Amino acid sequence: MKKAVNMRLEENTVILLNSLSKELAITKTDVVERAIEFYSRDKSKKRNELMAFAGTLDDDDAKIILESIAESRVDKDFILDI
């Protein structure tokens, strides 16, 4: 059962939503639902890939990566000697 949701969107987002709805021949609700589902799957996939990679690191390498991330969420350059 669908529930009503109120939200405010930027004008450009509304224009894009209308355009996608017409282009895909689906409702605006369907566009939003598909976008949320896609975003959720994509985020989950990236998290799973990171966890798989993290399992290959020893404690020292993992600590270096975590410290690098903590120092800068924008610049994540680090060196690994694996």
N, C-alpha and C. Protein backbone atom coordinates (compact mmCIF):
# COMPACT_ATOMS: atom_id res chain seq x y z
N MET A 1 0.83 -1.17 0.00
CA MET A 1 0.00 0.00 0.00
C MET A 1 0.88 1.24 0.00
N LYS A 2 0.62 2.14 -0.90
CA LYS A 2 1.42 3.36 -1.01
C LYS A 2 0.93 4.39 -0.01
N LYS A 3 1.88 5.17 0.50
CA LYS A 3 1.56 6.23 1.46
C LYS A 3 1.93 7.57 0.85
N ALA A 4 1.16 8.58 1.17
CA ALA A 4 1.42 9.92 0.68
C ALA A 4 2.63 10.51 1.42
N VAL A 5 3.50 11.20 0.64
CA VAL A 5 4.68 11.84 1.21
C VAL A 5 4.77 13.24 0.61
N ASN A 6 4.99 14.22 1.47
CA ASN A 6 5.19 15.60 0.99
C ASN A 6 6.66 15.94 1.06
N MET A 7 7.16 16.61 0.01
CA MET A 7 8.56 17.04 0.01
C MET A 7 8.71 18.27 -0.87
N ARG A 8 9.76 19.00 -0.61
CA ARG A 8 10.07 20.18 -1.42
C ARG A 8 11.32 19.87 -2.24
N LEU A 9 11.23 20.15 -3.53
CA LEU A 9 12.35 19.89 -4.43
C LEU A 9 12.77 21.18 -5.12
N GLU A 10 14.05 21.25 -5.45
CA GLU A 10 14.54 22.38 -6.23
C GLU A 10 13.84 22.38 -7.59
N GLU A 11 13.70 23.55 -8.16
CA GLU A 11 12.99 23.68 -9.44
C GLU A 11 13.64 22.82 -10.52
N ASN A 12 14.96 22.79 -10.56
CA ASN A 12 15.66 21.97 -11.57
C ASN A 12 15.37 20.49 -11.38
N THR A 13 15.23 20.06 -10.13
CA THR A 13 14.91 18.66 -9.85
C THR A 13 13.50 18.33 -10.33
N VAL A 14 12.57 19.24 -10.13
CA VAL A 14 11.19 19.04 -10.59
C VAL A 14 11.15 18.93 -12.12
N ILE A 15 11.90 19.79 -12.79
CA ILE A 15 11.97 19.75 -14.25
C ILE A 15 12.53 18.40 -14.71
N LEU A 16 13.59 17.96 -14.05
CA LEU A 16 14.19 16.67 -14.39
C LEU A 16 13.23 15.52 -14.11
N LEU A 17 12.53 15.59 -12.99
CA LEU A 17 11.53 14.57 -12.64
C LEU A 17 10.44 14.48 -13.70
N ASN A 18 9.92 15.63 -14.12
CA ASN A 18 8.89 15.66 -15.17
C ASN A 18 9.43 15.09 -16.48
N SER A 19 10.65 15.47 -16.81
CA SER A 19 11.27 15.01 -18.06
C SER A 19 11.45 13.49 -18.05
N LEU A 20 11.97 12.96 -16.95
CA LEU A 20 12.17 11.51 -16.85
C LEU A 20 10.84 10.76 -16.90
N SER A 21 9.84 11.31 -16.25
CA SER A 21 8.52 10.69 -16.24
C SER A 21 7.98 10.57 -17.66
N LYS A 22 8.10 11.64 -18.44
CA LYS A 22 7.62 11.60 -19.83
C LYS A 22 8.48 10.69 -20.69
N GLU A 23 9.80 10.81 -20.54
CA GLU A 23 10.73 10.02 -21.36
C GLU A 23 10.55 8.52 -21.13
N LEU A 24 10.37 8.14 -19.87
CA LEU A 24 10.25 6.72 -19.54
C LEU A 24 8.80 6.22 -19.58
N ALA A 25 7.88 7.15 -19.77
CA ALA A 25 6.44 6.83 -19.80
C ALA A 25 6.00 6.13 -18.51
N ILE A 26 6.45 6.69 -17.39
CA ILE A 26 6.05 6.18 -16.07
C ILE A 26 5.66 7.38 -15.20
N THR A 27 5.02 7.10 -14.08
CA THR A 27 4.61 8.19 -13.20
C THR A 27 5.81 8.79 -12.48
N LYS A 28 5.63 9.98 -11.96
CA LYS A 28 6.68 10.63 -11.18
C LYS A 28 6.98 9.81 -9.93
N THR A 29 5.95 9.21 -9.37
CA THR A 29 6.14 8.33 -8.21
C THR A 29 7.07 7.18 -8.57
N ASP A 30 6.85 6.58 -9.74
CA ASP A 30 7.71 5.47 -10.18
C ASP A 30 9.15 5.94 -10.38
N VAL A 31 9.33 7.14 -10.92
CA VAL A 31 10.69 7.67 -11.11
C VAL A 31 11.39 7.78 -9.75
N VAL A 32 10.71 8.37 -8.78
CA VAL A 32 11.30 8.55 -7.45
C VAL A 32 11.58 7.20 -6.80
N GLU A 33 10.63 6.27 -6.87
CA GLU A 33 10.83 4.94 -6.27
C GLU A 33 12.01 4.23 -6.92
N ARG A 34 12.10 4.27 -8.24
CA ARG A 34 13.22 3.61 -8.93
C ARG A 34 14.55 4.26 -8.57
N ALA A 35 14.56 5.58 -8.47
CA ALA A 35 15.80 6.29 -8.13
C ALA A 35 16.26 5.91 -6.72
N ILE A 36 15.34 5.84 -5.78
CA ILE A 36 15.70 5.47 -4.41
C ILE A 36 16.20 4.03 -4.36
N GLU A 37 15.53 3.13 -5.06
CA GLU A 37 15.96 1.73 -5.09
C GLU A 37 17.35 1.60 -5.73
N PHE A 38 17.60 2.32 -6.83
CA PHE A 38 18.90 2.29 -7.50
C PHE A 38 19.98 2.81 -6.57
N TYR A 39 19.72 3.93 -5.91
CA TYR A 39 20.69 4.53 -5.00
C TYR A 39 21.01 3.57 -3.86
N SER A 40 19.99 2.94 -3.32
CA SER A 40 20.18 2.01 -2.22
C SER A 40 21.02 0.81 -2.64
N ARG A 41 20.71 0.23 -3.81
CA ARG A 41 21.49 -0.92 -4.31
C ARG A 41 22.93 -0.52 -4.59
N ASP A 42 23.12 0.66 -5.21
CA ASP A 42 24.47 1.12 -5.55
C ASP A 42 25.29 1.34 -4.28
N LYS A 43 24.70 1.97 -3.29
CA LYS A 43 25.40 2.24 -2.03
C LYS A 43 25.74 0.92 -1.33
N SER A 44 24.82 -0.02 -1.33
CA SER A 44 25.05 -1.32 -0.71
C SER A 44 26.16 -2.07 -1.43
N LYS A 45 26.17 -2.00 -2.77
CA LYS A 45 27.20 -2.68 -3.56
C LYS A 45 28.57 -2.11 -3.23
N LYS A 46 28.68 -0.78 -3.17
CA LYS A 46 29.97 -0.15 -2.85
C LYS A 46 30.42 -0.55 -1.45
N ARG A 47 29.50 -0.59 -0.50
CA ARG A 47 29.84 -0.98 0.87
C ARG A 47 30.35 -2.41 0.89
N ASN A 48 29.68 -3.31 0.14
CA ASN A 48 30.10 -4.71 0.11
C ASN A 48 31.48 -4.87 -0.53
N GLU A 49 31.75 -4.09 -1.59
CA GLU A 49 33.06 -4.15 -2.23
C GLU A 49 34.15 -3.67 -1.28
N LEU A 50 33.86 -2.60 -0.53
CA LEU A 50 34.82 -2.09 0.43
C LEU A 50 35.10 -3.11 1.53
N MET A 51 34.04 -3.76 2.01
CA MET A 51 34.22 -4.75 3.07
C MET A 51 35.02 -5.95 2.56
N ALA A 52 34.81 -6.35 1.32
CA ALA A 52 35.57 -7.46 0.75
C ALA A 52 37.04 -7.07 0.65
N PHE A 53 37.30 -5.83 0.23
CA PHE A 53 38.67 -5.33 0.13
C PHE A 53 39.28 -5.24 1.53
N ALA A 54 38.52 -4.73 2.49
CA ALA A 54 39.03 -4.55 3.84
C ALA A 54 39.46 -5.88 4.45
N GLY A 55 38.79 -6.95 4.08
CA GLY A 55 39.15 -8.26 4.61
C GLY A 55 40.52 -8.75 4.15
N THR A 56 41.10 -8.11 3.13
CA THR A 56 42.41 -8.52 2.63
C THR A 56 43.54 -7.74 3.29
N LEU A 57 43.23 -6.78 4.15
CA LEU A 57 44.25 -5.94 4.77
C LEU A 57 44.67 -6.48 6.12
N ASP A 58 45.95 -6.25 6.46
CA ASP A 58 46.35 -6.55 7.83
C ASP A 58 46.01 -5.34 8.70
N ASP A 59 46.14 -5.48 10.00
CA ASP A 59 45.72 -4.43 10.93
C ASP A 59 46.43 -3.10 10.68
N ASP A 60 47.73 -3.14 10.38
CA ASP A 60 48.48 -1.89 10.16
C ASP A 60 47.99 -1.15 8.92
N ASP A 61 47.78 -1.89 7.82
CA ASP A 61 47.28 -1.25 6.59
C ASP A 61 45.88 -0.69 6.79
N ALA A 62 45.03 -1.42 7.49
CA ALA A 62 43.67 -0.94 7.75
C ALA A 62 43.71 0.33 8.59
N LYS A 63 44.60 0.37 9.58
CA LYS A 63 44.73 1.57 10.43
C LYS A 63 45.17 2.77 9.61
N ILE A 64 46.11 2.58 8.69
CA ILE A 64 46.58 3.68 7.83
C ILE A 64 45.43 4.23 6.98
N ILE A 65 44.64 3.34 6.41
CA ILE A 65 43.51 3.77 5.58
C ILE A 65 42.49 4.53 6.41
N LEU A 66 42.14 4.00 7.57
CA LEU A 66 41.15 4.67 8.42
C LEU A 66 41.64 6.03 8.88
N GLU A 67 42.92 6.15 9.21
CA GLU A 67 43.46 7.45 9.61
C GLU A 67 43.43 8.43 8.44
N SER A 68 43.74 7.95 7.25
CA SER A 68 43.70 8.81 6.06
C SER A 68 42.29 9.32 5.79
N ILE A 69 41.31 8.44 5.92
CA ILE A 69 39.91 8.83 5.71
C ILE A 69 39.49 9.84 6.77
N ALA A 70 39.88 9.61 8.00
CA ALA A 70 39.51 10.51 9.09
C ALA A 70 40.12 11.89 8.90
N GLU A 71 41.34 11.96 8.38
CA GLU A 71 42.02 13.24 8.17
C GLU A 71 41.33 14.08 7.10
N SER A 72 40.86 13.45 6.07
CA SER A 72 40.25 14.21 4.98
C SER A 72 39.24 13.36 4.24
N ARG A 73 37.99 13.79 4.28
CA ARG A 73 36.94 13.06 3.56
C ARG A 73 36.98 13.40 2.08
N VAL A 74 37.74 14.41 1.69
CA VAL A 74 37.84 14.81 0.29
C VAL A 74 39.06 14.18 -0.36
N ASP A 75 40.21 14.29 0.29
CA ASP A 75 41.47 13.80 -0.26
C ASP A 75 41.82 12.50 0.44
N LYS A 76 41.65 11.38 -0.24
CA LYS A 76 41.86 10.07 0.36
C LYS A 76 43.10 9.39 -0.20
N ASP A 77 44.14 10.18 -0.56
CA ASP A 77 45.37 9.58 -1.08
C ASP A 77 46.13 8.88 0.03
N PHE A 78 46.57 7.66 -0.23
CA PHE A 78 47.37 6.92 0.72
C PHE A 78 48.17 5.88 -0.05
N ILE A 79 49.20 5.36 0.58
CA ILE A 79 50.08 4.38 -0.06
C ILE A 79 49.95 3.08 0.70
N LEU A 80 49.74 2.00 -0.05
CA LEU A 80 49.66 0.67 0.54
C LEU A 80 50.82 -0.16 0.00
N ASP A 81 51.50 -0.84 0.88
CA ASP A 81 52.56 -1.75 0.47
C ASP A 81 52.08 -3.17 0.73
N ILE A 82 51.25 -3.65 -0.20
CA ILE A 82 50.62 -4.97 0.00
C ILE A 82 51.37 -6.02 -0.77
